[in-house]
Amino acid sequence: MLAGAPALARLAGPGWELSQLSGLASGLACIVLCGCPVRSRDAIPPSLLSLHHHQLIGWAALIGAVFHIGGLLLADPTVVEYLKPTAPLYQLAGIAATALLLVVVLSSLVSVRRWWPSHRGFQATHVTLGIVLVALIAAHVAVTDRYVGRAAPRALFVLVSIGAIAMLLRARAPNAAGRGSSVRRQLVFGRHSSWVAGVVTVAAVAIAGLAAGGVRAMLREAALNRTAPLPLDFPHDRHTGVNCLLCHHNYVDKSGFDSCITCHRAHRPDLKEGVESRFHSFCFDCHRHPDAKFARHGPASGCVACHQAPGTSARAHAARSPLSGTSLRDDSTE
């Protein structure tokens, strides 16, 4: 069901879509690897993947993540802004997930695994990193809203992610469990079972929190504010069907007549959302989940559509329009 989510999304350009699909495939592959662990000796249910197939899927997930990042950079060089410390938290989660995926894949090589004094120690480390990886991917995908923007797909994604890491808590077969009811005796990870169960519990609670709108809004904020805002060229002439007060609320509630960033970067306690979350929500929510009356618009794809020199999009639109002689007002600084 999650693999079919792109069929329900509004499609953008081929380069952008293929890059996004690579990212989705990479994330789903990591979820599959958690849900189908290998070498769970005497486990119920038994392993669903062989070690060879497990490794192949891991490498495919890593390649998919590389294509995801590289393809987006080729489709829109402005995406490099999302690779900086000033990127929103959910984007930093995606970067951390990619780095962690690289560590997980490389640590599974036989030459690297020999560094661990015991197989059980390697297994506990590998599983712990895998659980954290799925939690980071869940944060990145759920907050990006590309394919799971609505409540039902988001809830499905959250449940599948939690279900995958919960499948790591496999029980031992009755003849291998031994006496007693302790976690370490009942689960397949031996003396590390209590640790793995604790990590699964914490990660499951964190992933479940992604269903809350307040958590997603928080993750849309930047970890570090930029010293200077990116250029912004909002084509007002192409949005005449939208009520101006939807964005310019300060002209109604008398909260100020200065630029939006003046308030939304002021860390005022009465503001529910900051500049990154609020303005990206304006664009993404409307273009990805539009009202029925807005039929002639495309999905939000890339950064350069908005983040370009003031007046650029207006001039480009005027050049394509039969009314190219019409004077267009430049309100991009509002």
Protein backbone atom coordinates (compact mmCIF):
# COMPACT_ATOMS: atom_id res chain seq x y z
CA MET A 1 0.00 0.00 0.00
CA LEU A 2 2.80 2.42 0.82
CA ALA A 3 4.63 1.53 -2.39
CA GLY A 4 1.52 2.59 -4.31
CA ALA A 5 1.31 5.98 -2.58
CA PRO A 6 2.97 7.89 -5.47
CA ALA A 7 0.07 6.92 -7.73
CA LEU A 8 -2.19 9.12 -5.59
CA ALA A 9 0.14 12.14 -5.63
CA ARG A 10 0.14 15.00 -8.11
CA LEU A 11 3.19 14.42 -10.30
CA ALA A 12 5.85 17.00 -11.10
CA GLY A 13 8.72 16.77 -13.59
CA PRO A 14 10.26 13.35 -14.40
CA GLY A 15 13.65 14.11 -12.84
CA TRP A 16 12.08 15.33 -9.62
CA GLU A 17 9.64 12.42 -9.43
CA LEU A 18 12.27 9.74 -10.08
CA SER A 19 14.44 11.21 -7.35
CA GLN A 20 11.52 11.24 -4.92
CA LEU A 21 10.62 7.66 -5.84
CA SER A 22 14.21 6.59 -5.15
CA GLY A 23 13.95 8.10 -1.69
CA LEU A 24 10.62 6.40 -0.99
CA ALA A 25 11.97 3.05 -2.20
CA SER A 26 15.05 3.46 0.01
CA GLY A 27 12.92 4.20 3.07
CA LEU A 28 10.59 1.27 2.44
CA ALA A 29 13.58 -1.04 1.95
CA CYS A 30 14.90 -0.07 5.40
CA ILE A 31 11.47 -0.75 6.91
CA VAL A 32 11.42 -4.18 5.20
CA LEU A 33 14.86 -5.02 6.64
CA CYS A 34 13.63 -4.32 10.17
CA GLY A 35 10.46 -6.32 9.63
CA CYS A 36 12.34 -9.27 8.13
CA PRO A 37 15.44 -9.74 10.32
CA VAL A 38 17.85 -12.58 9.68
CA ARG A 39 19.64 -15.02 11.95
CA SER A 40 17.04 -14.87 14.68
CA ARG A 41 17.94 -18.32 15.88
CA ASP A 42 15.01 -20.38 17.11
CA ALA A 43 12.72 -17.41 16.52
CA ILE A 44 8.96 -17.45 16.07
CA PRO A 45 8.19 -16.58 13.29
CA PRO A 46 11.40 -17.74 11.54
CA SER A 47 13.56 -15.50 9.35
CA LEU A 48 11.83 -14.30 6.20
CA LEU A 49 15.02 -13.30 4.34
CA SER A 50 18.31 -15.04 3.81
CA LEU A 51 21.45 -13.19 4.82
CA HIS A 52 22.36 -12.73 1.15
CA HIS A 53 19.03 -11.12 0.30
CA HIS A 54 19.18 -9.02 3.46
CA GLN A 55 22.51 -7.58 2.37
CA LEU A 56 21.32 -6.98 -1.19
CA ILE A 57 18.31 -5.01 0.03
CA GLY A 58 20.60 -3.00 2.32
CA TRP A 59 22.84 -2.02 -0.59
CA ALA A 60 19.78 -1.21 -2.72
CA ALA A 61 18.49 1.07 0.05
CA LEU A 62 21.83 2.90 0.18
CA ILE A 63 21.96 3.31 -3.61
CA GLY A 64 18.36 4.57 -3.58
CA ALA A 65 19.24 7.19 -0.95
CA VAL A 66 22.22 8.37 -3.01
CA PHE A 67 20.07 8.68 -6.14
CA HIS A 68 17.43 10.49 -4.09
CA ILE A 69 19.85 13.20 -2.94
CA GLY A 70 21.86 13.40 -6.16
CA GLY A 71 18.79 13.47 -8.38
CA LEU A 72 17.16 16.29 -6.42
CA LEU A 73 20.37 18.34 -6.60
CA LEU A 74 20.54 17.83 -10.36
CA ALA A 75 16.85 18.67 -10.81
CA ASP A 76 17.13 21.81 -8.68
CA PRO A 77 20.54 23.06 -7.46
CA THR A 78 18.77 25.19 -4.84
CA VAL A 79 18.14 21.94 -2.92
CA VAL A 80 21.72 22.28 -1.64
CA GLU A 81 20.22 24.64 0.97
CA TYR A 82 18.65 21.55 2.54
CA LEU A 83 22.09 20.04 3.08
CA LYS A 84 23.23 22.87 5.33
CA PRO A 85 22.88 23.20 9.13
CA THR A 86 20.18 25.83 8.50
CA ALA A 87 17.90 23.17 6.98
CA PRO A 88 14.66 22.24 8.79
CA LEU A 89 14.92 19.51 11.40
CA TYR A 90 13.12 16.90 9.30
CA GLN A 91 15.65 17.44 6.50
CA LEU A 92 18.49 17.03 8.98
CA ALA A 93 16.80 13.79 10.03
CA GLY A 94 16.97 12.64 6.40
CA ILE A 95 20.68 13.52 6.22
CA ALA A 96 21.33 11.67 9.48
CA ALA A 97 19.37 8.67 8.17
CA THR A 98 21.52 8.54 5.03
CA ALA A 99 24.74 8.70 7.06
CA LEU A 100 23.45 6.04 9.45
CA LEU A 101 22.38 3.82 6.55
CA LEU A 102 25.93 4.04 5.20
CA VAL A 103 27.30 2.98 8.60
CA VAL A 104 24.82 0.09 8.88
CA VAL A 105 25.62 -1.23 5.39
CA LEU A 106 29.39 -0.93 5.71
CA SER A 107 29.39 -2.46 9.21
CA SER A 108 27.71 -5.57 7.82
CA LEU A 109 30.74 -6.38 5.66
CA VAL A 110 32.56 -9.49 6.85
CA SER A 111 35.86 -7.61 7.17
CA VAL A 112 34.24 -5.04 9.47
CA ARG A 113 32.17 -7.48 11.50
CA ARG A 114 35.36 -9.18 12.67
CA TRP A 115 36.04 -6.13 14.84
CA TRP A 116 33.26 -7.20 17.21
CA PRO A 117 34.37 -9.68 19.86
CA SER A 118 31.06 -11.57 19.61
CA HIS A 119 28.31 -12.03 17.08
CA ARG A 120 25.70 -11.15 19.71
CA GLY A 121 27.40 -7.79 20.30
CA PHE A 122 27.42 -7.04 16.56
CA GLN A 123 23.80 -8.12 16.26
CA ALA A 124 22.68 -5.83 19.10
CA THR A 125 24.58 -2.87 17.62
CA HIS A 126 23.27 -3.54 14.12
CA VAL A 127 19.68 -3.87 15.31
CA THR A 128 19.89 -0.73 17.46
CA LEU A 129 21.21 1.33 14.54
CA GLY A 130 18.47 -0.13 12.33
CA ILE A 131 15.75 0.94 14.76
CA VAL A 132 17.12 4.48 14.99
CA LEU A 133 17.39 4.52 11.18
CA VAL A 134 13.70 3.68 10.75
CA ALA A 135 12.73 6.38 13.27
CA LEU A 136 14.75 9.01 11.36
CA ILE A 137 13.25 7.90 8.05
CA ALA A 138 9.76 8.09 9.54
CA ALA A 139 10.38 11.66 10.70
CA HIS A 140 11.74 12.66 7.30
CA VAL A 141 8.96 11.07 5.23
CA ALA A 142 6.03 11.96 7.49
CA VAL A 143 6.98 15.65 7.78
CA THR A 144 7.97 16.04 4.12
CA ASP A 145 4.32 15.31 3.24
CA ARG A 146 5.23 14.32 -0.32
CA TYR A 147 3.36 11.02 -0.31
CA VAL A 148 1.83 10.79 3.17
CA GLY A 149 0.47 14.31 3.54
CA ARG A 150 -3.08 13.33 4.40
CA ALA A 151 -4.16 11.78 7.68
CA ALA A 152 -4.91 8.25 6.41
CA PRO A 153 -1.63 7.65 4.49
CA ARG A 154 0.34 9.22 7.35
CA ALA A 155 -1.33 6.95 9.90
CA LEU A 156 -0.62 3.93 7.70
CA PHE A 157 3.04 4.91 7.39
CA VAL A 158 3.38 5.41 11.14
CA LEU A 159 1.74 2.05 11.89
CA VAL A 160 3.89 0.21 9.34
CA SER A 161 7.08 1.79 10.74
CA ILE A 162 6.15 0.86 14.31
CA GLY A 163 5.09 -2.61 13.21
CA ALA A 164 8.42 -3.20 11.45
CA ILE A 165 10.57 -2.40 14.48
CA ALA A 166 8.17 -4.33 16.73
CA MET A 167 8.81 -7.44 14.61
CA LEU A 168 12.36 -7.40 15.93
CA LEU A 169 10.94 -8.53 19.28
CA ARG A 170 10.69 -12.12 18.15
CA ALA A 171 10.07 -14.83 20.71
CA ARG A 172 12.25 -17.87 21.09
CA ALA A 173 10.83 -21.26 20.31
CA PRO A 174 9.50 -23.01 23.44
CA ASN A 175 12.38 -25.51 23.43
CA ALA A 176 14.92 -22.65 23.32
CA ALA A 177 13.33 -20.14 25.68
CA GLY A 178 14.37 -21.89 28.87
CA ARG A 179 12.79 -21.39 32.23
CA GLY A 180 11.65 -18.07 33.61
CA SER A 181 9.71 -15.19 32.18
CA SER A 182 12.42 -12.52 31.89
CA VAL A 183 12.75 -10.64 28.62
CA ARG A 184 16.22 -12.01 27.95
CA ARG A 185 14.95 -15.57 28.23
CA GLN A 186 11.90 -15.07 26.03
CA LEU A 187 13.38 -13.04 23.14
CA VAL A 188 15.97 -14.01 20.58
CA PHE A 189 18.65 -11.45 21.46
CA GLY A 190 19.75 -13.18 24.66
CA ARG A 191 21.41 -10.86 27.17
CA HIS A 192 20.75 -7.90 24.83
CA SER A 193 16.99 -8.52 24.66
CA SER A 194 16.09 -5.99 27.38
CA TRP A 195 18.16 -3.33 25.63
CA VAL A 196 16.56 -4.01 22.22
CA ALA A 197 13.07 -4.01 23.74
CA GLY A 198 13.77 -0.63 25.38
CA VAL A 199 15.07 0.91 22.14
CA VAL A 200 12.04 -0.41 20.24
CA THR A 201 9.69 1.11 22.84
CA VAL A 202 11.32 4.54 22.76
CA ALA A 203 11.44 4.58 18.95
CA ALA A 204 7.80 3.48 18.69
CA VAL A 205 6.67 6.32 20.96
CA ALA A 206 8.71 8.82 18.93
CA ILE A 207 7.28 7.58 15.63
CA ALA A 208 3.72 7.65 17.01
CA GLY A 209 4.25 11.29 17.91
CA LEU A 210 4.59 12.12 14.20
CA ALA A 211 0.81 11.84 13.90
CA ALA A 212 0.48 15.05 15.95
CA GLY A 213 0.40 18.26 13.94
CA GLY A 214 2.37 20.15 16.57
CA VAL A 215 5.27 17.70 16.34
CA ARG A 216 5.40 17.98 12.55
CA ALA A 217 5.31 21.78 12.76
CA MET A 218 8.22 21.71 15.20
CA LEU A 219 10.24 19.47 12.88
CA ARG A 220 9.66 21.88 10.00
CA GLU A 221 11.62 24.56 11.83
CA ALA A 222 15.30 25.15 11.15
CA ALA A 223 17.89 24.14 13.70
CA LEU A 224 19.84 27.32 12.98
CA ASN A 225 18.47 30.53 11.50
CA ARG A 226 20.06 31.88 8.37
CA THR A 227 22.08 35.05 8.62
CA ALA A 228 20.19 36.32 5.55
CA PRO A 229 16.93 35.01 4.06
CA LEU A 230 16.93 33.30 0.69
CA PRO A 231 15.66 35.36 -2.25
CA LEU A 232 11.93 34.97 -2.70
CA ASP A 233 9.84 35.79 -5.75
CA PHE A 234 6.21 34.99 -5.11
CA PRO A 235 4.14 35.52 -8.29
CA HIS A 236 1.14 37.36 -6.87
CA ASP A 237 -0.42 37.77 -10.32
CA ARG A 238 -0.76 33.99 -10.64
CA HIS A 239 -2.52 33.64 -7.28
CA THR A 240 -5.40 36.07 -7.74
CA GLY A 241 -7.87 33.30 -6.90
CA VAL A 242 -6.52 33.08 -3.35
CA ASN A 243 -7.71 35.49 -0.69
CA CYS A 244 -4.80 37.80 0.13
CA LEU A 245 -5.70 37.73 3.82
CA LEU A 246 -4.95 34.01 3.95
CA CYS A 247 -1.28 34.97 4.09
CA HIS A 248 -1.35 38.67 5.02
CA HIS A 249 -3.30 38.17 8.25
CA ASN A 250 -1.49 41.09 9.89
CA TYR A 251 -3.66 43.51 7.92
CA VAL A 252 -6.72 42.10 9.70
CA ASP A 253 -5.57 41.46 13.24
CA LYS A 254 -3.37 44.62 13.28
CA SER A 255 -0.38 42.57 14.41
CA GLY A 256 2.01 44.63 12.29
CA PHE A 257 2.62 46.04 8.85
CA ASP A 258 6.24 45.06 8.49
CA SER A 259 7.57 42.02 6.63
CA CYS A 260 6.47 38.53 7.68
CA ILE A 261 9.96 37.52 8.79
CA THR A 262 10.08 40.42 11.26
CA CYS A 263 7.52 38.65 13.44
CA HIS A 264 8.03 35.02 12.53
CA ARG A 265 11.76 35.14 13.25
CA ALA A 266 11.30 37.07 16.49
CA HIS A 267 10.70 33.92 18.64
CA ARG A 268 7.52 35.46 20.01
CA PRO A 269 5.76 33.07 22.40
CA ASP A 270 2.35 33.87 20.88
CA LEU A 271 3.37 32.59 17.42
CA LYS A 272 2.40 28.97 16.93
CA GLU A 273 4.74 28.46 13.96
CA GLY A 274 7.98 30.00 12.84
CA VAL A 275 9.01 31.22 9.45
CA GLU A 276 10.18 27.91 7.94
CA SER A 277 7.13 25.93 8.97
CA ARG A 278 4.55 28.62 8.24
CA PHE A 279 5.65 29.69 4.79
CA HIS A 280 6.46 26.24 3.50
CA SER A 281 3.04 25.12 4.73
CA PHE A 282 1.43 27.92 2.71
CA CYS A 283 2.98 26.56 -0.48
CA PHE A 284 3.03 22.83 0.12
CA ASP A 285 -0.40 22.43 1.70
CA CYS A 286 -2.13 24.37 -1.05
CA HIS A 287 -0.30 22.80 -3.99
CA ARG A 288 -0.27 19.24 -2.71
CA HIS A 289 -3.76 19.19 -1.19
CA PRO A 290 -5.69 21.94 -3.00
CA ASP A 291 -9.32 22.88 -2.69
CA ALA A 292 -11.53 21.57 -5.46
CA LYS A 293 -11.88 25.05 -6.97
CA PHE A 294 -8.14 25.21 -7.72
CA ALA A 295 -7.84 22.95 -10.75
CA ARG A 296 -5.18 24.73 -12.81
CA HIS A 297 -2.03 24.44 -10.79
CA GLY A 298 0.85 22.05 -10.47
CA PRO A 299 2.33 20.30 -7.44
CA ALA A 300 5.08 21.91 -5.42
CA SER A 301 8.38 20.61 -6.74
CA GLY A 302 11.79 22.02 -6.12
CA CYS A 303 12.89 25.21 -4.42
CA VAL A 304 13.73 27.42 -7.38
CA ALA A 305 10.07 27.95 -8.28
CA CYS A 306 9.84 30.39 -5.36
CA HIS A 307 13.44 31.00 -4.27
CA GLN A 308 14.78 33.12 -7.11
CA ALA A 309 15.64 36.74 -7.71
CA PRO A 310 12.65 39.10 -7.17
CA GLY A 311 10.74 39.72 -10.38
CA THR A 312 12.14 36.67 -12.17
CA SER A 313 9.00 34.55 -12.12
CA ALA A 314 6.82 37.55 -13.01
CA ARG A 315 8.95 38.38 -16.05
CA ALA A 316 9.05 34.76 -17.16
CA HIS A 317 5.28 34.44 -16.84
CA ALA A 318 4.72 37.72 -18.70
CA ALA A 319 6.94 36.54 -21.54
CA ARG A 320 4.79 33.42 -21.95
CA SER A 321 1.50 35.26 -21.55
CA PRO A 322 -0.39 36.93 -24.41
CA LEU A 323 -0.70 39.92 -22.05
CA SER A 324 3.06 40.34 -21.95
CA GLY A 325 2.78 44.09 -22.12
CA THR A 326 0.88 44.23 -18.83
CA SER A 327 2.79 45.82 -15.95
CA LEU A 328 3.12 43.39 -13.05
CA ARG A 329 3.62 44.64 -9.53
CA ASP A 330 6.62 43.26 -7.61
CA ASP A 331 5.40 42.46 -4.11
CA SER A 332 7.99 39.80 -3.40
CA THR A 333 9.28 41.56 -0.29
CA GLU A 334 5.95 41.57 1.49
